[in-house]
Structure formats: structure tokens, C-alpha cells
Amino acid sequence: MKEINDISLPRMNNGAHFTFVSNILARVESDTAVKSKAADQVSNFKAAVAAEDEALKISQKSLLTDDITKADSDRDALYAGYKKAVIFCTGRQVGLDSICYQHEGSQRACKNTYFATY
């Protein structure tokens, strides 16, 4: 059996730390001798593990996620509109991706039709 010499806490992620302390708590609670001799420490440790569990349940979603999702949706809608305009101007859908690629950044697309009115 290997012996643990050192545990590097800075290298341990939150999930690994929680699993580690949960396993320790389970072993302490299963050992009646330790549980009876260190009842106060075990109850404090149990409260600390519960507090860590609650802290990990809090959403770690970035504050920018909603803005990024909206911008992504707007980009998709603009691209879909652009594709429809290219179909309208060229009258075809074959090779649409290459046509859209050629028109990106160019004002040559649909000079006299759809884009000229806006």
C-alpha cells in the first residue's frame, strides 16, 4: 500500500478537495473510537463540509454569458438574413457559402437591388 507523504492543496481543484474531505468525513463517522473521542471536532468538520458543499452548488456562470448568448443569437440572425439577401440577389442557392464568402466585407453585393434600399 502506498503512503501519502504530502498533499498539495494549491494543485487540488475544488471538486477533488470536496471529494477528499467527504471521504475523510465518511471514515471518521464510521470509526466509533474517533467519533467518540473527538465529537466536537467531528461535528465542526461535518459543518465545514456542508458549508463547502453549499458553496460549490452556487452557480459559477460567468457574468458575460447572457451577453455572449444574445450577441451570438444576433450574429446568427444577421447571417441568416444575409444568406437570404444573397439568394434574393443571385436567384440561386447553389454555392451559397462561396458567394457569401466572396461578398464579405464587400459593397459589391446587390448594388442595384435589395441592399441599395437600406
PDB file of N, CA and C in Angstrom:
ATOM      1  N   MET A   1       0.842  -1.177   0.000  1.00  0.00           N
ATOM      2  CA  MET A   1       0.000   0.000   0.000  1.00  0.00           C
ATOM      3  C   MET A   1       0.888   1.242   0.000  1.00  0.00           C
ATOM      4  N   LYS A   2       0.540   2.197  -0.841  1.00  0.00           N
ATOM      5  CA  LYS A   2       1.319   3.427  -0.912  1.00  0.00           C
ATOM      6  C   LYS A   2       0.919   4.354   0.227  1.00  0.00           C
ATOM      7  N   GLU A   3       1.878   5.102   0.679  1.00  0.00           N
ATOM      8  CA  GLU A   3       1.638   6.052   1.750  1.00  0.00           C
ATOM      9  C   GLU A   3       1.644   7.463   1.169  1.00  0.00           C
ATOM     10  N   ILE A   4       0.714   8.274   1.613  1.00  0.00           N
ATOM     11  CA  ILE A   4       0.647   9.659   1.142  1.00  0.00           C
ATOM     12  C   ILE A   4       1.609  10.475   1.987  1.00  0.00           C
ATOM     13  N   ASN A   5       2.607  11.066   1.348  1.00  0.00           N
ATOM     14  CA  ASN A   5       3.588  11.879   2.062  1.00  0.00           C
ATOM     15  C   ASN A   5       3.173  13.337   2.132  1.00  0.00           C
ATOM     16  N   ASP A   6       2.601  13.824   1.062  1.00  0.00           N
ATOM     17  CA  ASP A   6       2.272  15.246   1.008  1.00  0.00           C
ATOM     18  C   ASP A   6       1.055  15.441   0.110  1.00  0.00           C
ATOM     19  N   ILE A   7       0.175  16.326   0.518  1.00  0.00           N
ATOM     20  CA  ILE A   7      -0.983  16.679  -0.299  1.00  0.00           C
ATOM     21  C   ILE A   7      -0.816  18.144  -0.693  1.00  0.00           C
ATOM     22  N   SER A   8      -0.742  18.399  -1.970  1.00  0.00           N
ATOM     23  CA  SER A   8      -0.548  19.760  -2.460  1.00  0.00           C
ATOM     24  C   SER A   8      -1.912  20.414  -2.644  1.00  0.00           C
ATOM     25  N   LEU A   9      -2.317  21.217  -1.679  1.00  0.00           N
ATOM     26  CA  LEU A   9      -3.623  21.879  -1.762  1.00  0.00           C
ATOM     27  C   LEU A   9      -3.716  22.901  -2.900  1.00  0.00           C
ATOM     28  N   PRO A  10      -2.640  23.656  -3.205  1.00  0.00           N
ATOM     29  CA  PRO A  10      -2.753  24.597  -4.337  1.00  0.00           C
ATOM     30  C   PRO A  10      -3.007  23.916  -5.679  1.00  0.00           C
ATOM     31  N   ARG A  11      -2.565  22.661  -5.829  1.00  0.00           N
ATOM     32  CA  ARG A  11      -2.756  21.944  -7.088  1.00  0.00           C
ATOM     33  C   ARG A  11      -4.081  21.191  -7.149  1.00  0.00           C
ATOM     34  N   MET A  12      -4.817  21.164  -6.041  1.00  0.00           N
ATOM     35  CA  MET A  12      -6.066  20.406  -5.972  1.00  0.00           C
ATOM     36  C   MET A  12      -7.241  21.316  -6.381  1.00  0.00           C
ATOM     37  N   ASN A  13      -8.070  20.849  -7.311  1.00  0.00           N
ATOM     38  CA  ASN A  13      -9.228  21.652  -7.704  1.00  0.00           C
ATOM     39  C   ASN A  13     -10.354  21.486  -6.687  1.00  0.00           C
ATOM     40  N   ASN A  14     -11.396  22.290  -6.804  1.00  0.00           N
ATOM     41  CA  ASN A  14     -12.478  22.298  -5.816  1.00  0.00           C
ATOM     42  C   ASN A  14     -13.176  20.950  -5.694  1.00  0.00           C
ATOM     43  N   GLY A  15     -13.458  20.322  -6.810  1.00  0.00           N
ATOM     44  CA  GLY A  15     -14.148  19.034  -6.777  1.00  0.00           C
ATOM     45  C   GLY A  15     -13.322  17.959  -6.103  1.00  0.00           C
ATOM     46  N   ALA A  16     -12.013  17.942  -6.388  1.00  0.00           N
ATOM     47  CA  ALA A  16     -11.130  16.961  -5.761  1.00  0.00           C
ATOM     48  C   ALA A  16     -11.034  17.202  -4.260  1.00  0.00           C
ATOM     49  N   HIS A  17     -10.965  18.470  -3.869  1.00  0.00           N
ATOM     50  CA  HIS A  17     -10.901  18.789  -2.437  1.00  0.00           C
ATOM     51  C   HIS A  17     -12.172  18.340  -1.737  1.00  0.00           C
ATOM     52  N   PHE A  18     -13.329  18.606  -2.340  1.00  0.00           N
ATOM     53  CA  PHE A  18     -14.586  18.216  -1.716  1.00  0.00           C
ATOM     54  C   PHE A  18     -14.685  16.694  -1.595  1.00  0.00           C
ATOM     55  N   THR A  19     -14.264  15.979  -2.612  1.00  0.00           N
ATOM     56  CA  THR A  19     -14.271  14.515  -2.553  1.00  0.00           C
ATOM     57  C   THR A  19     -13.341  14.019  -1.455  1.00  0.00           C
ATOM     58  N   PHE A  20     -12.177  14.639  -1.355  1.00  0.00           N
ATOM     59  CA  PHE A  20     -11.204  14.255  -0.337  1.00  0.00           C
ATOM     60  C   PHE A  20     -11.771  14.438   1.066  1.00  0.00           C
ATOM     61  N   VAL A  21     -12.327  15.622   1.364  1.00  0.00           N
ATOM     62  CA  VAL A  21     -12.850  15.869   2.714  1.00  0.00           C
ATOM     63  C   VAL A  21     -14.111  15.046   2.972  1.00  0.00           C
ATOM     64  N   SER A  22     -14.896  14.764   1.946  1.00  0.00           N
ATOM     65  CA  SER A  22     -16.078  13.915   2.120  1.00  0.00           C
ATOM     66  C   SER A  22     -15.671  12.492   2.482  1.00  0.00           C
ATOM     67  N   ASN A  23     -14.613  11.993   1.843  1.00  0.00           N
ATOM     68  CA  ASN A  23     -14.108  10.665   2.177  1.00  0.00           C
ATOM     69  C   ASN A  23     -13.563  10.617   3.600  1.00  0.00           C
ATOM     70  N   ILE A  24     -12.862  11.675   4.007  1.00  0.00           N
ATOM     71  CA  ILE A  24     -12.357  11.734   5.378  1.00  0.00           C
ATOM     72  C   ILE A  24     -13.520  11.736   6.364  1.00  0.00           C
ATOM     73  N   LEU A  25     -14.554  12.531   6.068  1.00  0.00           N
ATOM     74  CA  LEU A  25     -15.718  12.591   6.951  1.00  0.00           C
ATOM     75  C   LEU A  25     -16.391  11.221   7.057  1.00  0.00           C
ATOM     76  N   ALA A  26     -16.519  10.532   5.958  1.00  0.00           N
ATOM     77  CA  ALA A  26     -17.141   9.203   5.974  1.00  0.00           C
ATOM     78  C   ALA A  26     -16.326   8.225   6.820  1.00  0.00           C
ATOM     79  N   ARG A  27     -15.002   8.286   6.706  1.00  0.00           N
ATOM     80  CA  ARG A  27     -14.154   7.386   7.500  1.00  0.00           C
ATOM     81  C   ARG A  27     -14.217   7.735   8.979  1.00  0.00           C
ATOM     82  N   VAL A  28     -14.251   9.028   9.293  1.00  0.00           N
ATOM     83  CA  VAL A  28     -14.324   9.450  10.690  1.00  0.00           C
ATOM     84  C   VAL A  28     -15.653   9.026  11.310  1.00  0.00           C
ATOM     85  N   GLU A  29     -16.725   9.202  10.543  1.00  0.00           N
ATOM     86  CA  GLU A  29     -18.037   8.839  11.078  1.00  0.00           C
ATOM     87  C   GLU A  29     -18.195   7.319  11.208  1.00  0.00           C
ATOM     88  N   SER A  30     -17.484   6.563  10.420  1.00  0.00           N
ATOM     89  CA  SER A  30     -17.585   5.104  10.525  1.00  0.00           C
ATOM     90  C   SER A  30     -16.731   4.544  11.669  1.00  0.00           C
ATOM     91  N   ASP A  31     -15.740   5.300  12.105  1.00  0.00           N
ATOM     92  CA  ASP A  31     -14.864   4.858  13.211  1.00  0.00           C
ATOM     93  C   ASP A  31     -15.433   5.369  14.535  1.00  0.00           C
ATOM     94  N   THR A  32     -15.991   4.475  15.324  1.00  0.00           N
ATOM     95  CA  THR A  32     -16.656   4.883  16.575  1.00  0.00           C
ATOM     96  C   THR A  32     -15.669   5.422  17.601  1.00  0.00           C
ATOM     97  N   ALA A  33     -14.457   4.926  17.606  1.00  0.00           N
ATOM     98  CA  ALA A  33     -13.468   5.405  18.579  1.00  0.00           C
ATOM     99  C   ALA A  33     -13.122   6.873  18.320  1.00  0.00           C
ATOM    100  N   VAL A  34     -12.861   7.204  17.052  1.00  0.00           N
ATOM    101  CA  VAL A  34     -12.533   8.592  16.700  1.00  0.00           C
ATOM    102  C   VAL A  34     -13.743   9.491  16.923  1.00  0.00           C
ATOM    103  N   LYS A  35     -14.893   8.989  16.549  1.00  0.00           N
ATOM    104  CA  LYS A  35     -16.119   9.788  16.681  1.00  0.00           C
ATOM    105  C   LYS A  35     -16.432  10.096  18.146  1.00  0.00           C
ATOM    106  N   SER A  36     -16.169   9.171  19.035  1.00  0.00           N
ATOM    107  CA  SER A  36     -16.471   9.405  20.448  1.00  0.00           C
ATOM    108  C   SER A  36     -15.417  10.283  21.121  1.00  0.00           C
ATOM    109  N   LYS A  37     -14.149  10.142  20.748  1.00  0.00           N
ATOM    110  CA  LYS A  37     -13.075  10.915  21.378  1.00  0.00           C
ATOM    111  C   LYS A  37     -13.006  12.351  20.866  1.00  0.00           C
ATOM    112  N   ALA A  38     -13.418  12.564  19.640  1.00  0.00           N
ATOM    113  CA  ALA A  38     -13.312  13.903  19.041  1.00  0.00           C
ATOM    114  C   ALA A  38     -14.677  14.342  18.514  1.00  0.00           C
ATOM    115  N   ALA A  39     -15.691  14.248  19.342  1.00  0.00           N
ATOM    116  CA  ALA A  39     -17.056  14.550  18.908  1.00  0.00           C
ATOM    117  C   ALA A  39     -17.212  16.003  18.470  1.00  0.00           C
ATOM    118  N   ASP A  40     -16.604  16.933  19.223  1.00  0.00           N
ATOM    119  CA  ASP A  40     -16.710  18.355  18.849  1.00  0.00           C
ATOM    120  C   ASP A  40     -16.034  18.633  17.508  1.00  0.00           C
ATOM    121  N   GLN A  41     -14.840  18.072  17.323  1.00  0.00           N
ATOM    122  CA  GLN A  41     -14.119  18.287  16.064  1.00  0.00           C
ATOM    123  C   GLN A  41     -14.853  17.647  14.887  1.00  0.00           C
ATOM    124  N   VAL A  42     -15.438  16.490  15.115  1.00  0.00           N
ATOM    125  CA  VAL A  42     -16.178  15.820  14.043  1.00  0.00           C
ATOM    126  C   VAL A  42     -17.403  16.640  13.656  1.00  0.00           C
ATOM    127  N   SER A  43     -18.116  17.177  14.636  1.00  0.00           N
ATOM    128  CA  SER A  43     -19.301  17.986  14.311  1.00  0.00           C
ATOM    129  C   SER A  43     -18.899  19.280  13.609  1.00  0.00           C
ATOM    130  N   ASN A  44     -17.785  19.902  14.021  1.00  0.00           N
ATOM    131  CA  ASN A  44     -17.294  21.100  13.331  1.00  0.00           C
ATOM    132  C   ASN A  44     -16.858  20.773  11.899  1.00  0.00           C
ATOM    133  N   PHE A  45     -16.184  19.635  11.752  1.00  0.00           N
ATOM    134  CA  PHE A  45     -15.741  19.207  10.415  1.00  0.00           C
ATOM    135  C   PHE A  45     -16.938  18.919   9.516  1.00  0.00           C
ATOM    136  N   LYS A  46     -17.962  18.289  10.088  1.00  0.00           N
ATOM    137  CA  LYS A  46     -19.171  17.986   9.318  1.00  0.00           C
ATOM    138  C   LYS A  46     -19.851  19.274   8.862  1.00  0.00           C
ATOM    139  N   ALA A  47     -19.883  20.285   9.730  1.00  0.00           N
ATOM    140  CA  ALA A  47     -20.470  21.581   9.365  1.00  0.00           C
ATOM    141  C   ALA A  47     -19.638  22.262   8.271  1.00  0.00           C
ATOM    142  N   ALA A  48     -18.316  22.141   8.357  1.00  0.00           N
ATOM    143  CA  ALA A  48     -17.449  22.741   7.338  1.00  0.00           C
ATOM    144  C   ALA A  48     -17.638  22.067   5.981  1.00  0.00           C
ATOM    145  N   VAL A  49     -17.783  20.741   5.978  1.00  0.00           N
ATOM    146  CA  VAL A  49     -18.015  20.017   4.721  1.00  0.00           C
ATOM    147  C   VAL A  49     -19.371  20.412   4.125  1.00  0.00           C
ATOM    148  N   ALA A  50     -20.386  20.575   4.976  1.00  0.00           N
ATOM    149  CA  ALA A  50     -21.703  21.004   4.485  1.00  0.00           C
ATOM    150  C   ALA A  50     -21.636  22.418   3.916  1.00  0.00           C
ATOM    151  N   ALA A  51     -20.866  23.300   4.566  1.00  0.00           N
ATOM    152  CA  ALA A  51     -20.708  24.671   4.056  1.00  0.00           C
ATOM    153  C   ALA A  51     -19.984  24.673   2.714  1.00  0.00           C
ATOM    154  N   GLU A  52     -18.965  23.824   2.581  1.00  0.00           N
ATOM    155  CA  GLU A  52     -18.259  23.733   1.304  1.00  0.00           C
ATOM    156  C   GLU A  52     -19.174  23.197   0.215  1.00  0.00           C
ATOM    157  N   ASP A  53     -20.016  22.242   0.551  1.00  0.00           N
ATOM    158  CA  ASP A  53     -20.971  21.691  -0.411  1.00  0.00           C
ATOM    159  C   ASP A  53     -21.920  22.780  -0.896  1.00  0.00           C
ATOM    160  N   GLU A  54     -22.417  23.587   0.014  1.00  0.00           N
ATOM    161  CA  GLU A  54     -23.311  24.689  -0.372  1.00  0.00           C
ATOM    162  C   GLU A  54     -22.588  25.712  -1.241  1.00  0.00           C
ATOM    163  N   ALA A  55     -21.333  26.008  -0.914  1.00  0.00           N
ATOM    164  CA  ALA A  55     -20.555  26.965  -1.704  1.00  0.00           C
ATOM    165  C   ALA A  55     -20.324  26.456  -3.126  1.00  0.00           C
ATOM    166  N   LEU A  56     -20.133  25.140  -3.269  1.00  0.00           N
ATOM    167  CA  LEU A  56     -19.898  24.583  -4.604  1.00  0.00           C
ATOM    168  C   LEU A  56     -21.176  24.492  -5.430  1.00  0.00           C
ATOM    169  N   LYS A  57     -22.323  24.531  -4.776  1.00  0.00           N
ATOM    170  CA  LYS A  57     -23.588  24.463  -5.504  1.00  0.00           C
ATOM    171  C   LYS A  57     -23.957  25.788  -6.154  1.00  0.00           C
ATOM    172  N   ILE A  58     -23.352  26.878  -5.693  1.00  0.00           N
ATOM    173  CA  ILE A  58     -23.629  28.197  -6.268  1.00  0.00           C
ATOM    174  C   ILE A  58     -23.151  28.199  -7.716  1.00  0.00           C
ATOM    175  N   SER A  59     -23.952  28.783  -8.579  1.00  0.00           N
ATOM    176  CA  SER A  59     -23.617  28.806 -10.000  1.00  0.00           C
ATOM    177  C   SER A  59     -22.293  29.536 -10.229  1.00  0.00           C
ATOM    178  N   GLN A  60     -21.462  28.954 -11.048  1.00  0.00           N
ATOM    179  CA  GLN A  60     -20.191  29.576 -11.391  1.00  0.00           C
ATOM    180  C   GLN A  60     -20.245  30.148 -12.807  1.00  0.00           C
ATOM    181  N   LYS A  61     -21.451  30.478 -13.232  1.00  0.00           N
ATOM    182  CA  LYS A  61     -21.655  31.033 -14.566  1.00  0.00           C
ATOM    183  C   LYS A  61     -21.005  32.414 -14.653  1.00  0.00           C
ATOM    184  N   SER A  62     -20.362  32.673 -15.741  1.00  0.00           N
ATOM    185  CA  SER A  62     -19.751  33.974 -15.961  1.00  0.00           C
ATOM    186  C   SER A  62     -20.837  35.039 -16.089  1.00  0.00           C
ATOM    187  N   LEU A  63     -20.521  36.236 -15.645  1.00  0.00           N
ATOM    188  CA  LEU A  63     -21.471  37.340 -15.759  1.00  0.00           C
ATOM    189  C   LEU A  63     -21.673  37.767 -17.215  1.00  0.00           C
ATOM    190  N   LEU A  64     -20.767  37.381 -18.092  1.00  0.00           N
ATOM    191  CA  LEU A  64     -20.862  37.743 -19.506  1.00  0.00           C
ATOM    192  C   LEU A  64     -21.635  36.732 -20.335  1.00  0.00           C
ATOM    193  N   THR A  65     -22.029  35.608 -19.751  1.00  0.00           N
ATOM    194  CA  THR A  65     -22.666  34.534 -20.510  1.00  0.00           C
ATOM    195  C   THR A  65     -23.937  35.003 -21.208  1.00  0.00           C
ATOM    196  N   ASP A  66     -24.792  35.745 -20.511  1.00  0.00           N
ATOM    197  CA  ASP A  66     -26.037  36.206 -21.128  1.00  0.00           C
ATOM    198  C   ASP A  66     -25.766  37.161 -22.289  1.00  0.00           C
ATOM    199  N   ASP A  67     -24.794  38.061 -22.128  1.00  0.00           N
ATOM    200  CA  ASP A  67     -24.451  38.991 -23.213  1.00  0.00           C
ATOM    201  C   ASP A  67     -23.866  38.245 -24.413  1.00  0.00           C
ATOM    202  N   ILE A  68     -23.043  37.251 -24.146  1.00  0.00           N
ATOM    203  CA  ILE A  68     -22.448  36.469 -25.230  1.00  0.00           C
ATOM    204  C   ILE A  68     -23.521  35.682 -25.973  1.00  0.00           C
ATOM    205  N   THR A  69     -24.475  35.115 -25.235  1.00  0.00           N
ATOM    206  CA  THR A  69     -25.564  34.352 -25.851  1.00  0.00           C
ATOM    207  C   THR A  69     -26.413  35.251 -26.742  1.00  0.00           C
ATOM    208  N   LYS A  70     -26.718  36.469 -26.262  1.00  0.00           N
ATOM    209  CA  LYS A  70     -27.512  37.402 -27.064  1.00  0.00           C
ATOM    210  C   LYS A  70     -26.746  37.837 -28.317  1.00  0.00           C
ATOM    211  N   ALA A  71     -25.462  38.143 -28.170  1.00  0.00           N
ATOM    212  CA  ALA A  71     -24.653  38.538 -29.325  1.00  0.00           C
ATOM    213  C   ALA A  71     -24.549  37.407 -30.333  1.00  0.00           C
ATOM    214  N   ASP A  72     -24.428  36.181 -29.859  1.00  0.00           N
ATOM    215  CA  ASP A  72     -24.367  35.023 -30.741  1.00  0.00           C
ATOM    216  C   ASP A  72     -25.673  34.855 -31.504  1.00  0.00           C
ATOM    217  N   SER A  73     -26.793  35.045 -30.807  1.00  0.00           N
ATOM    218  CA  SER A  73     -28.104  34.946 -31.452  1.00  0.00           C
ATOM    219  C   SER A  73     -28.277  36.045 -32.498  1.00  0.00           C
ATOM    220  N   ASP A  74     -27.853  37.276 -32.163  1.00  0.00           N
ATOM    221  CA  ASP A  74     -27.943  38.391 -33.119  1.00  0.00           C
ATOM    222  C   ASP A  74     -27.079  38.119 -34.353  1.00  0.00           C
ATOM    223  N   ARG A  75     -25.870  37.580 -34.129  1.00  0.00           N
ATOM    224  CA  ARG A  75     -24.986  37.261 -35.257  1.00  0.00           C
ATOM    225  C   ARG A  75     -25.611  36.216 -36.164  1.00  0.00           C
ATOM    226  N   ASP A  76     -26.224  35.199 -35.554  1.00  0.00           N
ATOM    227  CA  ASP A  76     -26.866  34.151 -36.347  1.00  0.00           C
ATOM    228  C   ASP A  76     -28.023  34.712 -37.164  1.00  0.00           C
ATOM    229  N   ALA A  77     -28.798  35.608 -36.556  1.00  0.00           N
ATOM    230  CA  ALA A  77     -29.921  36.213 -37.276  1.00  0.00           C
ATOM    231  C   ALA A  77     -29.424  37.087 -38.428  1.00  0.00           C
ATOM    232  N   LEU A  78     -28.360  37.838 -38.209  1.00  0.00           N
ATOM    233  CA  LEU A  78     -27.803  38.668 -39.280  1.00  0.00           C
ATOM    234  C   LEU A  78     -27.257  37.814 -40.420  1.00  0.00           C
ATOM    235  N   TYR A  79     -26.581  36.726 -40.076  1.00  0.00           N
ATOM    236  CA  TYR A  79     -26.040  35.859 -41.113  1.00  0.00           C
ATOM    237  C   TYR A  79     -27.163  35.200 -41.904  1.00  0.00           C
ATOM    238  N   ALA A  80     -28.226  34.786 -41.220  1.00  0.00           N
ATOM    239  CA  ALA A  80     -29.355  34.179 -41.926  1.00  0.00           C
ATOM    240  C   ALA A  80     -30.001  35.189 -42.876  1.00  0.00           C
ATOM    241  N   GLY A  81     -30.124  36.436 -42.425  1.00  0.00           N
ATOM    242  CA  GLY A  81     -30.664  37.488 -43.295  1.00  0.00           C
ATOM    243  C   GLY A  81     -29.764  37.755 -44.479  1.00  0.00           C
ATOM    244  N   TYR A  82     -28.469  37.745 -44.244  1.00  0.00           N
ATOM    245  CA  TYR A  82     -27.518  37.969 -45.323  1.00  0.00           C
ATOM    246  C   TYR A  82     -27.611  36.860 -46.374  1.00  0.00           C
ATOM    247  N   LYS A  83     -27.723  35.609 -45.898  1.00  0.00           N
ATOM    248  CA  LYS A  83     -27.856  34.500 -46.836  1.00  0.00           C
ATOM    249  C   LYS A  83     -29.124  34.630 -47.676  1.00  0.00           C
ATOM    250  N   LYS A  84     -30.218  35.048 -47.041  1.00  0.00           N
ATOM    251  CA  LYS A  84     -31.469  35.228 -47.792  1.00  0.00           C
ATOM    252  C   LYS A  84     -31.336  36.351 -48.810  1.00  0.00           C
ATOM    253  N   ALA A  85     -30.608  37.411 -48.441  1.00  0.00           N
ATOM    254  CA  ALA A  85     -30.405  38.511 -49.384  1.00  0.00           C
ATOM    255  C   ALA A  85     -29.555  38.067 -50.572  1.00  0.00           C
ATOM    256  N   VAL A  86     -28.556  37.234 -50.326  1.00  0.00           N
ATOM    257  CA  VAL A  86     -27.722  36.731 -51.423  1.00  0.00           C
ATOM    258  C   VAL A  86     -28.546  35.856 -52.345  1.00  0.00           C
ATOM    259  N   ILE A  87     -29.409  35.018 -51.775  1.00  0.00           N
ATOM    260  CA  ILE A  87     -30.290  34.187 -52.595  1.00  0.00           C
ATOM    261  C   ILE A  87     -31.211  35.073 -53.417  1.00  0.00           C
ATOM    262  N   PHE A  88     -31.723  36.141 -52.798  1.00  0.00           N
ATOM    263  CA  PHE A  88     -32.617  37.057 -53.491  1.00  0.00           C
ATOM    264  C   PHE A  88     -31.893  37.737 -54.654  1.00  0.00           C
ATOM    265  N   CYS A  89     -30.649  38.174 -54.412  1.00  0.00           N
ATOM    266  CA  CYS A  89     -29.900  38.898 -55.439  1.00  0.00           C
ATOM    267  C   CYS A  89     -29.404  37.999 -56.555  1.00  0.00           C
ATOM    268  N   THR A  90     -28.935  36.815 -56.199  1.00  0.00           N
ATOM    269  CA  THR A  90     -28.344  35.945 -57.213  1.00  0.00           C
ATOM    270  C   THR A  90     -29.371  35.017 -57.834  1.00  0.00           C
ATOM    271  N   GLY A  91     -30.479  34.799 -57.142  1.00  0.00           N
ATOM    272  CA  GLY A  91     -31.503  33.911 -57.654  1.00  0.00           C
ATOM    273  C   GLY A  91     -31.124  32.447 -57.599  1.00  0.00           C
ATOM    274  N   ARG A  92     -30.133  32.086 -56.817  1.00  0.00           N
ATOM    275  CA  ARG A  92     -29.728  30.697 -56.717  1.00  0.00           C
ATOM    276  C   ARG A  92     -29.193  30.401 -55.322  1.00  0.00           C
ATOM    277  N   GLN A  93     -29.201  29.132 -54.990  1.00  0.00           N
ATOM    278  CA  GLN A  93     -28.702  28.721 -53.691  1.00  0.00           C
ATOM    279  C   GLN A  93     -27.490  27.805 -53.830  1.00  0.00           C
ATOM    280  N   VAL A  94     -27.184  27.389 -55.015  1.00  0.00           N
ATOM    281  CA  VAL A  94     -26.034  26.514 -55.243  1.00  0.00           C
ATOM    282  C   VAL A  94     -24.755  27.319 -54.998  1.00  0.00           C
ATOM    283  N   GLY A  95     -23.869  26.804 -54.189  1.00  0.00           N
ATOM    284  CA  GLY A  95     -22.616  27.502 -53.904  1.00  0.00           C
ATOM    285  C   GLY A  95     -22.815  28.731 -53.043  1.00  0.00           C
ATOM    286  N   LEU A  96     -23.844  28.725 -52.223  1.00  0.00           N
ATOM    287  CA  LEU A  96     -24.183  29.901 -51.421  1.00  0.00           C
ATOM    288  C   LEU A  96     -23.056  30.288 -50.484  1.00  0.00           C
ATOM    289  N   ASP A  97     -22.406  29.320 -49.864  1.00  0.00           N
ATOM    290  CA  ASP A  97     -21.336  29.628 -48.925  1.00  0.00           C
ATOM    291  C   ASP A  97     -20.180  30.344 -49.611  1.00  0.00           C
ATOM    292  N   SER A  98     -19.832  29.924 -50.816  1.00  0.00           N
ATOM    293  CA  SER A  98     -18.730  30.590 -51.513  1.00  0.00           C
ATOM    294  C   SER A  98     -19.142  31.985 -51.952  1.00  0.00           C
ATOM    295  N   ILE A  99     -20.401  32.172 -52.321  1.00  0.00           N
ATOM    296  CA  ILE A  99     -20.882  33.504 -52.701  1.00  0.00           C
ATOM    297  C   ILE A  99     -20.850  34.428 -51.490  1.00  0.00           C
ATOM    298  N   CYS A 100     -21.332  33.941 -50.339  1.00  0.00           N
ATOM    299  CA  CYS A 100     -21.316  34.764 -49.127  1.00  0.00           C
ATOM    300  C   CYS A 100     -19.889  35.097 -48.737  1.00  0.00           C
ATOM    301  N   TYR A 101     -18.969  34.148 -48.881  1.00  0.00           N
ATOM    302  CA  TYR A 101     -17.577  34.396 -48.537  1.00  0.00           C
ATOM    303  C   TYR A 101     -16.991  35.467 -49.445  1.00  0.00           C
ATOM    304  N   GLN A 102     -17.317  35.443 -50.728  1.00  0.00           N
ATOM    305  CA  GLN A 102     -16.808  36.430 -51.662  1.00  0.00           C
ATOM    306  C   GLN A 102     -17.383  37.812 -51.376  1.00  0.00           C
ATOM    307  N   HIS A 103     -18.589  37.866 -50.847  1.00  0.00           N
ATOM    308  CA  HIS A 103     -19.238  39.152 -50.598  1.00  0.00           C
ATOM    309  C   HIS A 103     -18.898  39.757 -49.243  1.00  0.00           C
ATOM    310  N   GLU A 104     -18.287  38.964 -48.334  1.00  0.00           N
ATOM    311  CA  GLU A 104     -17.965  39.502 -47.023  1.00  0.00           C
ATOM    312  C   GLU A 104     -17.033  40.692 -47.154  1.00  0.00           C
ATOM    313  N   GLY A 105     -17.375  41.766 -46.466  1.00  0.00           N
ATOM    314  CA  GLY A 105     -16.534  42.955 -46.481  1.00  0.00           C
ATOM    315  C   GLY A 105     -16.580  43.712 -47.787  1.00  0.00           C
ATOM    316  N   SER A 106     -17.442  43.315 -48.688  1.00  0.00           N
ATOM    317  CA  SER A 106     -17.511  43.950 -49.997  1.00  0.00           C
ATOM    318  C   SER A 106     -18.838  44.664 -50.156  1.00  0.00           C
ATOM    319  N   GLN A 107     -18.820  45.811 -50.783  1.00  0.00           N
ATOM    320  CA  GLN A 107     -20.056  46.553 -51.057  1.00  0.00           C
ATOM    321  C   GLN A 107     -20.582  46.250 -52.455  1.00  0.00           C
ATOM    322  N   ARG A 108     -19.951  45.278 -53.129  1.00  0.00           N
ATOM    323  CA  ARG A 108     -20.368  44.947 -54.482  1.00  0.00           C
ATOM    324  C   ARG A 108     -21.641  44.122 -54.531  1.00  0.00           C
ATOM    325  N   ALA A 109     -22.036  43.517 -53.409  1.00  0.00           N
ATOM    326  CA  ALA A 109     -23.187  42.620 -53.413  1.00  0.00           C
ATOM    327  C   ALA A 109     -24.469  43.421 -53.618  1.00  0.00           C
ATOM    328  N   CYS A 110     -25.202  43.059 -54.590  1.00  0.00           N
ATOM    329  CA  CYS A 110     -26.538  43.569 -54.839  1.00  0.00           C
ATOM    330  C   CYS A 110     -26.579  45.092 -54.910  1.00  0.00           C
ATOM    331  N   LYS A 111     -25.771  45.685 -55.757  1.00  0.00           N
ATOM    332  CA  LYS A 111     -25.692  47.134 -55.859  1.00  0.00           C
ATOM    333  C   LYS A 111     -27.034  47.783 -56.165  1.00  0.00           C
ATOM    334  N   ASN A 112     -27.755  47.205 -57.071  1.00  0.00           N
ATOM    335  CA  ASN A 112     -28.956  47.872 -57.541  1.00  0.00           C
ATOM    336  C   ASN A 112     -30.250  47.284 -56.999  1.00  0.00           C
ATOM    337  N   THR A 113     -30.177  46.346 -56.087  1.00  0.00           N
ATOM    338  CA  THR A 113     -31.416  45.723 -55.627  1.00  0.00           C
ATOM    339  C   THR A 113     -31.609  45.904 -54.138  1.00  0.00           C
ATOM    340  N   TYR A 114     -31.609  44.828 -53.428  1.00  0.00           N
ATOM    341  CA  TYR A 114     -32.063  44.797 -52.034  1.00  0.00           C
ATOM    342  C   TYR A 114     -31.253  45.711 -51.110  1.00  0.00           C
ATOM    343  N   PHE A 115     -29.929  45.647 -51.152  1.00  0.00           N
ATOM    344  CA  PHE A 115     -29.112  46.410 -50.225  1.00  0.00           C
ATOM    345  C   PHE A 115     -29.139  47.913 -50.530  1.00  0.00           C
ATOM    346  N   ALA A 116     -29.385  48.268 -51.763  1.00  0.00           N
ATOM    347  CA  ALA A 116     -29.383  49.687 -52.136  1.00  0.00           C
ATOM    348  C   ALA A 116     -30.520  50.442 -51.482  1.00  0.00           C
ATOM    349  N   THR A 117     -31.565  49.776 -51.094  1.00  0.00           N
ATOM    350  CA  THR A 117     -32.697  50.468 -50.483  1.00  0.00           C
ATOM    351  C   THR A 117     -32.510  50.721 -49.002  1.00  0.00           C
ATOM    352  N   TYR A 118     -31.497  50.120 -48.380  1.00  0.00           N
ATOM    353  CA  TYR A 118     -31.295  50.268 -46.919  1.00  0.00           C
ATOM    354  C   TYR A 118     -30.023  50.978 -46.573  1.00  0.00           C
TER     355      TYR A 118
END
